[in-house]
Amino acid sequence: MRPRHLILGLFASILSAAGAQACSVALVLAMDVSGSVDAYEYDLQTQGVARALSEPAVADALLSGRAALALVQWSGSSEQAVSVPWTRIAEPADIRALALRIGTMARAFAGGNTAVGEAIQISAALFDQVPDCARWVIDVSGDGDENEGFSVGAERRAAWARAITINGLAIEGAATGTAITNFYRRWVVTPGGFVITAQQHTDFARAIRIKLLRELIPPMARRRDRDAPPSAQVAQLAWWPQLSASARALRSFHPRPNPYAGNDHM
């Protein structure tokens, strides 16, 4: 082989290896630990995440995508904590260590309110640390609508402007029907995002497994262009409340007035 061809071949091999090891997705798990979540329900959430990460299909997706994961515990205003900073998944041992850490994680807050907007805000700020990851996703889980801070609309818009996708895991109670699911669809997720519903906390492990698979496995997981003009990205969000309202009308859902409703007007 000629020297020139040898050099080109080595260069192509280096590029191929670098591409294979690129981070496909950075995912923040934003977990509700407000006052409506008791100690038993908190354990169901942490153990559910730990088991889901260890599932073969989820583990394979994490490894093949060289994913990065972080976990935020959130409650009321000024009650958010990054409990697990960014963890890069490069080998099975990384998944085992992450699952163990989350499964034994101490609770950061108890007895607080529900400030969903602030949970999105602190989660979005974490992506400054992972600029190399192709997709940025926030996975917000919770069992109530926002009752403090009332910034969910503004923070969702800000996240969408940065090409961050927000998905939701709504935990319904015995008497809530679909109220929490509808709140997440209407106020939390970004266009193209989705909501998975858990029927009470005992159903959390099943729901988080399905949710992680949808977020990690192509073609279900889609990428948005972070280099697109912010004005174009925000404009796409402008029609989202109207679309959600139409969907609710088809379902004959009539929400109660929201004190934070004005936050989402463009």
C-alpha atoms as a PDB file:
ATOM      1  CA  MET A   1       0.000   0.000   0.000  1.00  0.00           C
ATOM      2  CA  ARG A   2       1.277   3.449  -0.910  1.00  0.00           C
ATOM      3  CA  PRO A   3       2.120   5.777   2.014  1.00  0.00           C
ATOM      4  CA  ARG A   4      -0.552   8.249   0.924  1.00  0.00           C
ATOM      5  CA  HIS A   5      -3.232   5.569   0.874  1.00  0.00           C
ATOM      6  CA  LEU A   6      -2.049   4.286   4.246  1.00  0.00           C
ATOM      7  CA  ILE A   7      -2.371   7.743   5.788  1.00  0.00           C
ATOM      8  CA  LEU A   8      -5.854   8.241   4.312  1.00  0.00           C
ATOM      9  CA  GLY A   9      -6.884   4.821   5.583  1.00  0.00           C
ATOM     10  CA  LEU A  10      -5.684   5.580   9.110  1.00  0.00           C
ATOM     11  CA  PHE A  11      -7.441   8.959   9.041  1.00  0.00           C
ATOM     12  CA  ALA A  12     -10.714   7.335   7.946  1.00  0.00           C
ATOM     13  CA  SER A  13     -10.387   4.739  10.733  1.00  0.00           C
ATOM     14  CA  ILE A  14      -9.852   7.469  13.334  1.00  0.00           C
ATOM     15  CA  LEU A  15     -12.916   9.388  12.119  1.00  0.00           C
ATOM     16  CA  SER A  16     -15.011   6.217  12.124  1.00  0.00           C
ATOM     17  CA  ALA A  17     -13.980   5.353  15.686  1.00  0.00           C
ATOM     18  CA  ALA A  18     -14.676   8.888  16.883  1.00  0.00           C
ATOM     19  CA  GLY A  19     -18.137   8.816  15.291  1.00  0.00           C
ATOM     20  CA  ALA A  20     -18.921   5.432  16.821  1.00  0.00           C
ATOM     21  CA  GLN A  21     -18.096   6.751  20.286  1.00  0.00           C
ATOM     22  CA  ALA A  22     -20.015  10.029  19.964  1.00  0.00           C
ATOM     23  CA  CYS A  23     -22.660  10.805  22.568  1.00  0.00           C
ATOM     24  CA  SER A  24     -26.061  10.410  20.913  1.00  0.00           C
ATOM     25  CA  VAL A  25     -28.195  11.724  23.787  1.00  0.00           C
ATOM     26  CA  ALA A  26     -27.855  13.541  27.102  1.00  0.00           C
ATOM     27  CA  LEU A  27     -30.830  12.762  29.335  1.00  0.00           C
ATOM     28  CA  VAL A  28     -31.804  14.465  32.597  1.00  0.00           C
ATOM     29  CA  LEU A  29     -34.170  12.495  34.811  1.00  0.00           C
ATOM     30  CA  ALA A  30     -36.106  15.121  36.797  1.00  0.00           C
ATOM     31  CA  MET A  31     -37.813  13.303  39.679  1.00  0.00           C
ATOM     32  CA  ASP A  32     -40.645  14.743  41.772  1.00  0.00           C
ATOM     33  CA  VAL A  33     -39.973  14.490  45.535  1.00  0.00           C
ATOM     34  CA  SER A  34     -42.598  17.002  46.661  1.00  0.00           C
ATOM     35  CA  GLY A  35     -44.873  16.581  49.676  1.00  0.00           C
ATOM     36  CA  SER A  36     -47.347  14.425  47.748  1.00  0.00           C
ATOM     37  CA  VAL A  37     -44.681  11.706  47.421  1.00  0.00           C
ATOM     38  CA  ASP A  38     -44.349   9.676  50.624  1.00  0.00           C
ATOM     39  CA  ALA A  39     -41.342   7.570  51.595  1.00  0.00           C
ATOM     40  CA  TYR A  40     -42.756   4.383  50.083  1.00  0.00           C
ATOM     41  CA  GLU A  41     -43.545   6.148  46.800  1.00  0.00           C
ATOM     42  CA  TYR A  42     -40.077   7.706  46.729  1.00  0.00           C
ATOM     43  CA  ASP A  43     -38.557   4.226  46.998  1.00  0.00           C
ATOM     44  CA  LEU A  44     -40.805   3.009  44.182  1.00  0.00           C
ATOM     45  CA  GLN A  45     -39.428   5.776  41.969  1.00  0.00           C
ATOM     46  CA  THR A  46     -35.740   5.251  42.733  1.00  0.00           C
ATOM     47  CA  GLN A  47     -35.984   1.465  42.539  1.00  0.00           C
ATOM     48  CA  GLY A  48     -38.025   1.753  39.356  1.00  0.00           C
ATOM     49  CA  VAL A  49     -35.337   3.836  37.670  1.00  0.00           C
ATOM     50  CA  ALA A  50     -32.570   1.521  38.891  1.00  0.00           C
ATOM     51  CA  ARG A  51     -34.369  -1.566  37.551  1.00  0.00           C
ATOM     52  CA  ALA A  52     -35.180   0.121  34.244  1.00  0.00           C
ATOM     53  CA  LEU A  53     -31.529   1.066  33.668  1.00  0.00           C
ATOM     54  CA  SER A  54     -30.543  -2.566  34.248  1.00  0.00           C
ATOM     55  CA  GLU A  55     -33.067  -3.951  31.752  1.00  0.00           C
ATOM     56  CA  PRO A  56     -31.154  -5.496  28.817  1.00  0.00           C
ATOM     57  CA  ALA A  57     -32.952  -3.436  26.142  1.00  0.00           C
ATOM     58  CA  VAL A  58     -32.400  -0.168  27.999  1.00  0.00           C
ATOM     59  CA  ALA A  59     -28.798  -1.024  28.844  1.00  0.00           C
ATOM     60  CA  ASP A  60     -28.071  -1.871  25.209  1.00  0.00           C
ATOM     61  CA  ALA A  61     -29.547   1.448  24.079  1.00  0.00           C
ATOM     62  CA  LEU A  62     -27.485   3.366  26.626  1.00  0.00           C
ATOM     63  CA  LEU A  63     -24.286   1.624  25.555  1.00  0.00           C
ATOM     64  CA  SER A  64     -24.824   1.822  21.803  1.00  0.00           C
ATOM     65  CA  GLY A  65     -25.673   5.499  22.039  1.00  0.00           C
ATOM     66  CA  ARG A  66     -22.854   6.377  24.434  1.00  0.00           C
ATOM     67  CA  ALA A  67     -25.528   8.176  26.425  1.00  0.00           C
ATOM     68  CA  ALA A  68     -24.968  10.638  29.264  1.00  0.00           C
ATOM     69  CA  LEU A  69     -27.393  10.680  32.209  1.00  0.00           C
ATOM     70  CA  ALA A  70     -27.991  13.023  35.132  1.00  0.00           C
ATOM     71  CA  LEU A  71     -30.685  13.045  37.814  1.00  0.00           C
ATOM     72  CA  VAL A  72     -32.378  16.008  39.479  1.00  0.00           C
ATOM     73  CA  GLN A  73     -34.641  15.822  42.523  1.00  0.00           C
ATOM     74  CA  TRP A  74     -37.172  18.639  42.617  1.00  0.00           C
ATOM     75  CA  SER A  75     -39.978  19.947  44.773  1.00  0.00           C
ATOM     76  CA  GLY A  76     -41.072  23.559  45.487  1.00  0.00           C
ATOM     77  CA  SER A  77     -39.422  26.872  44.720  1.00  0.00           C
ATOM     78  CA  SER A  78     -35.670  26.814  45.446  1.00  0.00           C
ATOM     79  CA  GLU A  79     -35.920  23.087  46.172  1.00  0.00           C
ATOM     80  CA  GLN A  80     -34.004  21.443  43.346  1.00  0.00           C
ATOM     81  CA  ALA A  81     -30.855  19.361  43.649  1.00  0.00           C
ATOM     82  CA  VAL A  82     -28.564  17.661  41.146  1.00  0.00           C
ATOM     83  CA  SER A  83     -28.337  14.335  42.948  1.00  0.00           C
ATOM     84  CA  VAL A  84     -26.456  12.516  40.168  1.00  0.00           C
ATOM     85  CA  PRO A  85     -24.219  14.652  37.931  1.00  0.00           C
ATOM     86  CA  TRP A  86     -23.533  13.677  34.339  1.00  0.00           C
ATOM     87  CA  THR A  87     -22.510  10.049  33.996  1.00  0.00           C
ATOM     88  CA  ARG A  88     -21.143   8.891  30.654  1.00  0.00           C
ATOM     89  CA  ILE A  89     -22.144   5.358  29.691  1.00  0.00           C
ATOM     90  CA  ALA A  90     -19.220   3.632  27.998  1.00  0.00           C
ATOM     91  CA  GLU A  91     -19.365   0.087  29.408  1.00  0.00           C
ATOM     92  CA  PRO A  92     -21.738  -2.165  31.396  1.00  0.00           C
ATOM     93  CA  ALA A  93     -19.968  -1.311  34.651  1.00  0.00           C
ATOM     94  CA  ASP A  94     -21.072   2.317  34.222  1.00  0.00           C
ATOM     95  CA  ILE A  95     -24.720   1.238  34.109  1.00  0.00           C
ATOM     96  CA  ARG A  96     -24.373  -0.991  37.170  1.00  0.00           C
ATOM     97  CA  ALA A  97     -22.740   1.812  39.140  1.00  0.00           C
ATOM     98  CA  LEU A  98     -25.391   4.318  38.050  1.00  0.00           C
ATOM     99  CA  ALA A  99     -28.271   1.987  38.922  1.00  0.00           C
ATOM    100  CA  LEU A 100     -26.763   1.315  42.359  1.00  0.00           C
ATOM    101  CA  ARG A 101     -26.257   5.021  43.007  1.00  0.00           C
ATOM    102  CA  ILE A 102     -29.839   5.910  42.086  1.00  0.00           C
ATOM    103  CA  GLY A 103     -31.314   2.923  43.913  1.00  0.00           C
ATOM    104  CA  THR A 104     -29.616   3.945  47.170  1.00  0.00           C
ATOM    105  CA  MET A 105     -29.909   7.706  46.703  1.00  0.00           C
ATOM    106  CA  ALA A 106     -30.952   9.759  49.743  1.00  0.00           C
ATOM    107  CA  ARG A 107     -34.037  11.918  49.384  1.00  0.00           C
ATOM    108  CA  ALA A 108     -33.148  15.581  48.891  1.00  0.00           C
ATOM    109  CA  PHE A 109     -36.430  17.213  50.028  1.00  0.00           C
ATOM    110  CA  ALA A 110     -39.669  16.276  51.752  1.00  0.00           C
ATOM    111  CA  GLY A 111     -42.915  18.118  52.367  1.00  0.00           C
ATOM    112  CA  GLY A 112     -42.477  20.793  49.686  1.00  0.00           C
ATOM    113  CA  ASN A 113     -44.745  22.127  46.967  1.00  0.00           C
ATOM    114  CA  THR A 114     -44.579  21.495  43.227  1.00  0.00           C
ATOM    115  CA  ALA A 115     -42.571  23.955  41.106  1.00  0.00           C
ATOM    116  CA  VAL A 116     -42.363  22.222  37.738  1.00  0.00           C
ATOM    117  CA  GLY A 117     -40.958  25.279  35.970  1.00  0.00           C
ATOM    118  CA  GLU A 118     -37.968  25.488  38.287  1.00  0.00           C
ATOM    119  CA  ALA A 119     -37.326  21.768  37.777  1.00  0.00           C
ATOM    120  CA  ILE A 120     -37.118  22.401  34.027  1.00  0.00           C
ATOM    121  CA  GLN A 121     -34.885  25.434  34.574  1.00  0.00           C
ATOM    122  CA  ILE A 122     -32.216  23.626  36.612  1.00  0.00           C
ATOM    123  CA  SER A 123     -32.362  20.611  34.292  1.00  0.00           C
ATOM    124  CA  ALA A 124     -31.889  22.751  31.173  1.00  0.00           C
ATOM    125  CA  ALA A 125     -28.846  24.478  32.668  1.00  0.00           C
ATOM    126  CA  LEU A 126     -27.049  21.137  32.939  1.00  0.00           C
ATOM    127  CA  PHE A 127     -26.746  20.766  29.169  1.00  0.00           C
ATOM    128  CA  ASP A 128     -24.030  23.421  29.081  1.00  0.00           C
ATOM    129  CA  GLN A 129     -21.772  20.643  30.395  1.00  0.00           C
ATOM    130  CA  VAL A 130     -22.485  18.195  27.519  1.00  0.00           C
ATOM    131  CA  PRO A 131     -22.245  20.200  24.279  1.00  0.00           C
ATOM    132  CA  ASP A 132     -20.965  17.150  22.376  1.00  0.00           C
ATOM    133  CA  CYS A 133     -24.175  15.144  22.797  1.00  0.00           C
ATOM    134  CA  ALA A 134     -26.374  15.163  19.706  1.00  0.00           C
ATOM    135  CA  ARG A 135     -29.723  15.337  21.527  1.00  0.00           C
ATOM    136  CA  TRP A 136     -30.701  17.002  24.793  1.00  0.00           C
ATOM    137  CA  VAL A 137     -33.719  15.546  26.616  1.00  0.00           C
ATOM    138  CA  ILE A 138     -35.389  16.304  29.949  1.00  0.00           C
ATOM    139  CA  ASP A 139     -37.524  13.528  31.405  1.00  0.00           C
ATOM    140  CA  VAL A 140     -39.873  15.143  33.956  1.00  0.00           C
ATOM    141  CA  SER A 141     -41.838  12.807  36.213  1.00  0.00           C
ATOM    142  CA  GLY A 142     -44.400  13.884  38.798  1.00  0.00           C
ATOM    143  CA  ASP A 143     -47.748  13.257  40.445  1.00  0.00           C
ATOM    144  CA  GLY A 144     -49.188  16.788  40.530  1.00  0.00           C
ATOM    145  CA  ASP A 145     -49.600  20.005  38.620  1.00  0.00           C
ATOM    146  CA  GLU A 146     -47.694  23.189  39.405  1.00  0.00           C
ATOM    147  CA  ASN A 147     -48.726  24.948  42.630  1.00  0.00           C
ATOM    148  CA  GLU A 148     -45.684  27.159  43.244  1.00  0.00           C
ATOM    149  CA  GLY A 149     -43.448  29.313  41.085  1.00  0.00           C
ATOM    150  CA  PHE A 150     -45.854  29.180  38.129  1.00  0.00           C
ATOM    151  CA  SER A 151     -43.065  29.440  35.552  1.00  0.00           C
ATOM    152  CA  VAL A 152     -43.601  26.192  33.657  1.00  0.00           C
ATOM    153  CA  GLY A 153     -44.730  27.915  30.446  1.00  0.00           C
ATOM    154  CA  ALA A 154     -41.785  30.304  30.314  1.00  0.00           C
ATOM    155  CA  GLU A 155     -39.245  27.605  31.164  1.00  0.00           C
ATOM    156  CA  ARG A 156     -40.646  25.231  28.569  1.00  0.00           C
ATOM    157  CA  ARG A 157     -40.328  27.974  25.942  1.00  0.00           C
ATOM    158  CA  ALA A 158     -36.743  28.688  27.003  1.00  0.00           C
ATOM    159  CA  ALA A 159     -35.840  24.998  26.812  1.00  0.00           C
ATOM    160  CA  TRP A 160     -37.454  24.604  23.397  1.00  0.00           C
ATOM    161  CA  ALA A 161     -35.509  27.626  22.113  1.00  0.00           C
ATOM    162  CA  ARG A 162     -32.305  25.721  22.963  1.00  0.00           C
ATOM    163  CA  ALA A 163     -33.499  22.613  21.080  1.00  0.00           C
ATOM    164  CA  ILE A 164     -34.134  20.730  24.329  1.00  0.00           C
ATOM    165  CA  THR A 165     -36.884  18.129  24.171  1.00  0.00           C
ATOM    166  CA  ILE A 166     -39.063  17.699  27.265  1.00  0.00           C
ATOM    167  CA  ASN A 167     -40.998  14.467  27.810  1.00  0.00           C
ATOM    168  CA  GLY A 168     -43.236  13.668  30.751  1.00  0.00           C
ATOM    169  CA  LEU A 169     -44.099  10.765  33.022  1.00  0.00           C
ATOM    170  CA  ALA A 170     -47.408  11.566  34.708  1.00  0.00           C
ATOM    171  CA  ILE A 171     -48.197   9.611  37.873  1.00  0.00           C
ATOM    172  CA  GLU A 172     -51.950   9.486  38.359  1.00  0.00           C
ATOM    173  CA  GLY A 173     -53.571   8.914  41.736  1.00  0.00           C
ATOM    174  CA  ALA A 174     -56.561   6.768  42.572  1.00  0.00           C
ATOM    175  CA  ALA A 175     -58.911   9.741  42.171  1.00  0.00           C
ATOM    176  CA  THR A 176     -57.103  11.945  39.624  1.00  0.00           C
ATOM    177  CA  GLY A 177     -58.333  10.219  36.472  1.00  0.00           C
ATOM    178  CA  THR A 178     -56.230  11.745  33.694  1.00  0.00           C
ATOM    179  CA  ALA A 179     -55.742  15.193  35.258  1.00  0.00           C
ATOM    180  CA  ILE A 180     -51.967  14.886  35.713  1.00  0.00           C
ATOM    181  CA  THR A 181     -51.497  13.426  32.245  1.00  0.00           C
ATOM    182  CA  ASN A 182     -53.459  16.308  30.737  1.00  0.00           C
ATOM    183  CA  PHE A 183     -51.416  18.858  32.686  1.00  0.00           C
ATOM    184  CA  TYR A 184     -48.165  17.353  31.400  1.00  0.00           C
ATOM    185  CA  ARG A 185     -49.454  17.273  27.821  1.00  0.00           C
ATOM    186  CA  ARG A 186     -50.714  20.840  28.001  1.00  0.00           C
ATOM    187  CA  TRP A 187     -47.952  22.563  29.956  1.00  0.00           C
ATOM    188  CA  VAL A 188     -44.809  20.462  30.274  1.00  0.00           C
ATOM    189  CA  VAL A 189     -43.845  18.591  27.105  1.00  0.00           C
ATOM    190  CA  THR A 190     -42.436  20.341  24.053  1.00  0.00           C
ATOM    191  CA  PRO A 191     -43.718  19.792  20.483  1.00  0.00           C
ATOM    192  CA  GLY A 192     -42.699  16.318  19.419  1.00  0.00           C
ATOM    193  CA  GLY A 193     -42.409  15.247  23.050  1.00  0.00           C
ATOM    194  CA  PHE A 194     -44.650  12.673  24.673  1.00  0.00           C
ATOM    195  CA  VAL A 195     -46.234  11.693  27.989  1.00  0.00           C
ATOM    196  CA  ILE A 196     -46.272   8.221  29.518  1.00  0.00           C
ATOM    197  CA  THR A 197     -48.841   7.639  32.259  1.00  0.00           C
ATOM    198  CA  ALA A 198     -48.220   5.546  35.371  1.00  0.00           C
ATOM    199  CA  GLN A 199     -51.357   4.419  37.171  1.00  0.00           C
ATOM    200  CA  GLN A 200     -50.164   5.304  40.683  1.00  0.00           C
ATOM    201  CA  HIS A 201     -46.589   4.966  41.902  1.00  0.00           C
ATOM    202  CA  THR A 202     -46.737   1.165  41.877  1.00  0.00           C
ATOM    203  CA  ASP A 203     -46.833   1.411  38.071  1.00  0.00           C
ATOM    204  CA  PHE A 204     -43.774   3.692  37.886  1.00  0.00           C
ATOM    205  CA  ALA A 205     -41.205   0.979  37.052  1.00  0.00           C
ATOM    206  CA  ARG A 206     -43.156  -0.152  33.981  1.00  0.00           C
ATOM    207  CA  ALA A 207     -43.726   3.415  32.805  1.00  0.00           C
ATOM    208  CA  ILE A 208     -40.127   4.591  33.182  1.00  0.00           C
ATOM    209  CA  ARG A 209     -38.848   1.551  31.279  1.00  0.00           C
ATOM    210  CA  ILE A 210     -41.126   2.293  28.326  1.00  0.00           C
ATOM    211  CA  LYS A 211     -40.228   5.952  28.496  1.00  0.00           C
ATOM    212  CA  LEU A 212     -36.483   5.346  28.450  1.00  0.00           C
ATOM    213  CA  LEU A 213     -36.788   3.023  25.461  1.00  0.00           C
ATOM    214  CA  ARG A 214     -38.727   5.658  23.521  1.00  0.00           C
ATOM    215  CA  GLU A 215     -36.130   8.291  24.382  1.00  0.00           C
ATOM    216  CA  LEU A 216     -33.085   6.199  23.591  1.00  0.00           C
ATOM    217  CA  ILE A 217     -33.894   3.998  20.591  1.00  0.00           C
ATOM    218  CA  PRO A 218     -34.038   5.430  17.041  1.00  0.00           C
ATOM    219  CA  PRO A 219     -36.224   6.091  15.088  1.00  0.00           C
ATOM    220  CA  MET A 220     -38.521   6.821  18.044  1.00  0.00           C
ATOM    221  CA  ALA A 221     -35.903   9.258  19.382  1.00  0.00           C
ATOM    222  CA  ARG A 222     -35.631  12.275  17.097  1.00  0.00           C
ATOM    223  CA  ARG A 223     -33.001  15.001  16.960  1.00  0.00           C
ATOM    224  CA  ARG A 224     -33.641  18.727  16.638  1.00  0.00           C
ATOM    225  CA  ASP A 225     -31.148  21.203  15.210  1.00  0.00           C
ATOM    226  CA  ARG A 226     -29.620  23.305  18.001  1.00  0.00           C
ATOM    227  CA  ASP A 227     -28.152  25.614  15.350  1.00  0.00           C
ATOM    228  CA  ALA A 228     -31.557  26.664  14.019  1.00  0.00           C
ATOM    229  CA  PRO A 229     -32.498  30.313  14.686  1.00  0.00           C
ATOM    230  CA  PRO A 230     -34.115  30.622  18.150  1.00  0.00           C
ATOM    231  CA  SER A 231     -36.964  32.671  16.661  1.00  0.00           C
ATOM    232  CA  ALA A 232     -37.905  29.783  14.377  1.00  0.00           C
ATOM    233  CA  GLN A 233     -37.819  27.294  17.244  1.00  0.00           C
ATOM    234  CA  VAL A 234     -39.964  29.442  19.537  1.00  0.00           C
ATOM    235  CA  ALA A 235     -42.395  30.109  16.690  1.00  0.00           C
ATOM    236  CA  GLN A 236     -42.973  26.384  16.374  1.00  0.00           C
ATOM    237  CA  LEU A 237     -44.000  26.307  20.037  1.00  0.00           C
ATOM    238  CA  ALA A 238     -46.488  29.154  19.583  1.00  0.00           C
ATOM    239  CA  TRP A 239     -49.202  26.915  18.207  1.00  0.00           C
ATOM    240  CA  TRP A 240     -48.631  24.136  20.756  1.00  0.00           C
ATOM    241  CA  PRO A 241     -51.154  25.354  23.377  1.00  0.00           C
ATOM    242  CA  GLN A 242     -53.821  25.639  20.669  1.00  0.00           C
ATOM    243  CA  LEU A 243     -53.043  22.143  19.393  1.00  0.00           C
ATOM    244  CA  SER A 244     -53.222  20.755  22.910  1.00  0.00           C
ATOM    245  CA  ALA A 245     -56.503  22.581  23.496  1.00  0.00           C
ATOM    246  CA  SER A 246     -57.985  20.981  20.385  1.00  0.00           C
ATOM    247  CA  ALA A 247     -56.849  17.567  21.530  1.00  0.00           C
ATOM    248  CA  ARG A 248     -58.441  18.156  24.931  1.00  0.00           C
ATOM    249  CA  ALA A 249     -61.672  19.237  23.281  1.00  0.00           C
ATOM    250  CA  LEU A 250     -61.778  15.982  21.343  1.00  0.00           C
ATOM    251  CA  ARG A 251     -61.419  14.165  24.631  1.00  0.00           C
ATOM    252  CA  SER A 252     -64.147  16.304  26.247  1.00  0.00           C
ATOM    253  CA  PHE A 253     -61.647  17.439  28.859  1.00  0.00           C
ATOM    254  CA  HIS A 254     -62.433  20.725  30.618  1.00  0.00           C
ATOM    255  CA  PRO A 255     -59.483  21.907  32.752  1.00  0.00           C
ATOM    256  CA  ARG A 256     -59.906  24.169  35.711  1.00  0.00           C
ATOM    257  CA  PRO A 257     -58.435  27.690  35.413  1.00  0.00           C
ATOM    258  CA  ASN A 258     -54.659  27.758  35.823  1.00  0.00           C
ATOM    259  CA  PRO A 259     -52.994  30.637  37.688  1.00  0.00           C
ATOM    260  CA  TYR A 260     -49.905  30.230  35.496  1.00  0.00           C
ATOM    261  CA  ALA A 261     -51.830  30.265  32.203  1.00  0.00           C
ATOM    262  CA  GLY A 262     -50.402  33.613  31.108  1.00  0.00           C
ATOM    263  CA  ASN A 263     -46.869  32.272  31.212  1.00  0.00           C
ATOM    264  CA  ASP A 264     -47.307  30.392  27.935  1.00  0.00           C
ATOM    265  CA  HIS A 265     -48.609  33.194  25.725  1.00  0.00           C
ATOM    266  CA  MET A 266     -46.154  33.955  22.948  1.00  0.00           C
END
